[in-house]
């Protein structure tokens, strides 16, 4: 993205994940920066929103129900 401001950072990541990342960039003839930016963009725009499909208060109520009904749920599972 020409003219886009950039920010430098140095993350520490799993060595195997890094090797896969570098190999993918080389295989596709892309820079590591491009692959990393695409991965971050995909994660932020697709993964994060999908994790919030259920409102927090609904999940809290569900978890409370599971705790309150644990004995019944265990008997039904048998």
Protein backbone atom coordinates (compact mmCIF):
# COMPACT_ATOMS: atom_id res chain seq x y z
CA UNK A 1 0.00 0.00 0.00
CA UNK A 2 1.94 3.02 -1.21
CA UNK A 3 1.91 5.96 1.14
CA UNK A 4 0.68 3.88 4.06
CA UNK A 5 2.35 4.61 7.36
CA UNK A 6 4.11 1.63 8.87
CA UNK A 7 4.98 0.57 12.40
CA UNK A 8 7.97 -1.61 13.23
CA UNK A 9 7.63 -4.37 15.82
CA UNK A 10 9.52 -7.55 16.61
CA UNK A 11 7.32 -10.43 17.74
CA UNK A 12 8.66 -13.69 19.13
CA UNK A 13 6.78 -16.64 17.67
CA UNK A 14 7.01 -20.42 17.66
CA UNK A 15 10.04 -21.51 15.60
CA UNK A 16 8.11 -24.09 13.55
CA UNK A 17 5.39 -21.56 12.76
CA UNK A 18 8.06 -19.10 11.66
CA UNK A 19 9.63 -21.69 9.34
CA UNK A 20 6.22 -22.41 7.76
CA UNK A 21 5.61 -18.69 7.37
CA UNK A 22 8.97 -18.08 5.65
CA UNK A 23 8.57 -21.14 3.40
CA UNK A 24 5.11 -19.99 2.30
CA UNK A 25 6.34 -16.50 1.50
CA UNK A 26 9.24 -17.88 -0.54
CA UNK A 27 7.06 -20.45 -2.33
CA UNK A 28 4.60 -17.75 -3.40
CA UNK A 29 7.28 -15.18 -4.24
CA UNK A 30 5.93 -12.81 -1.60
CA UNK A 31 7.69 -10.81 1.05
CA UNK A 32 7.39 -11.89 4.67
CA UNK A 33 5.88 -8.49 5.38
CA UNK A 34 3.13 -9.05 2.80
CA UNK A 35 2.26 -12.52 4.15
CA UNK A 36 2.23 -11.27 7.74
CA UNK A 37 0.05 -8.25 6.89
CA UNK A 38 -2.41 -10.48 4.99
CA UNK A 39 -2.57 -12.94 7.89
CA UNK A 40 -3.17 -10.16 10.43
CA UNK A 41 -5.77 -8.52 8.20
CA UNK A 42 -7.63 -11.83 7.74
CA UNK A 43 -7.52 -12.56 11.47
CA UNK A 44 -8.76 -9.12 12.49
CA UNK A 45 -11.49 -8.89 9.85
CA UNK A 46 -12.72 -12.51 9.80
CA UNK A 47 -11.72 -14.53 12.83
CA UNK A 48 -12.22 -11.97 15.61
CA UNK A 49 -15.73 -10.93 14.51
CA UNK A 50 -16.83 -14.57 14.20
CA UNK A 51 -15.77 -15.21 17.80
CA UNK A 52 -18.27 -12.62 18.97
CA UNK A 53 -21.37 -14.05 17.31
CA UNK A 54 -22.87 -14.95 20.69
CA UNK A 55 -23.29 -12.06 23.10
CA UNK A 56 -21.24 -12.34 26.29
CA UNK A 57 -24.32 -12.27 28.54
CA UNK A 58 -25.77 -15.26 26.67
CA UNK A 59 -22.58 -17.25 27.19
CA UNK A 60 -22.49 -16.24 30.87
CA UNK A 61 -26.08 -17.47 31.33
CA UNK A 62 -25.27 -20.73 29.52
CA UNK A 63 -22.18 -21.35 31.67
CA UNK A 64 -24.16 -20.63 34.84
CA UNK A 65 -26.86 -23.07 33.71
CA UNK A 66 -24.29 -25.79 33.10
CA UNK A 67 -22.85 -25.31 36.59
CA UNK A 68 -26.31 -25.35 38.20
CA UNK A 69 -27.43 -28.44 36.28
CA UNK A 70 -24.18 -30.42 36.27
CA UNK A 71 -25.66 -33.43 38.11
CA UNK A 72 -28.62 -33.66 35.74
CA UNK A 73 -26.40 -33.29 32.68
CA UNK A 74 -24.09 -36.05 33.91
CA UNK A 75 -27.04 -38.40 34.53
CA UNK A 76 -28.47 -37.67 31.08
CA UNK A 77 -25.10 -38.35 29.48
CA UNK A 78 -25.04 -41.93 30.82
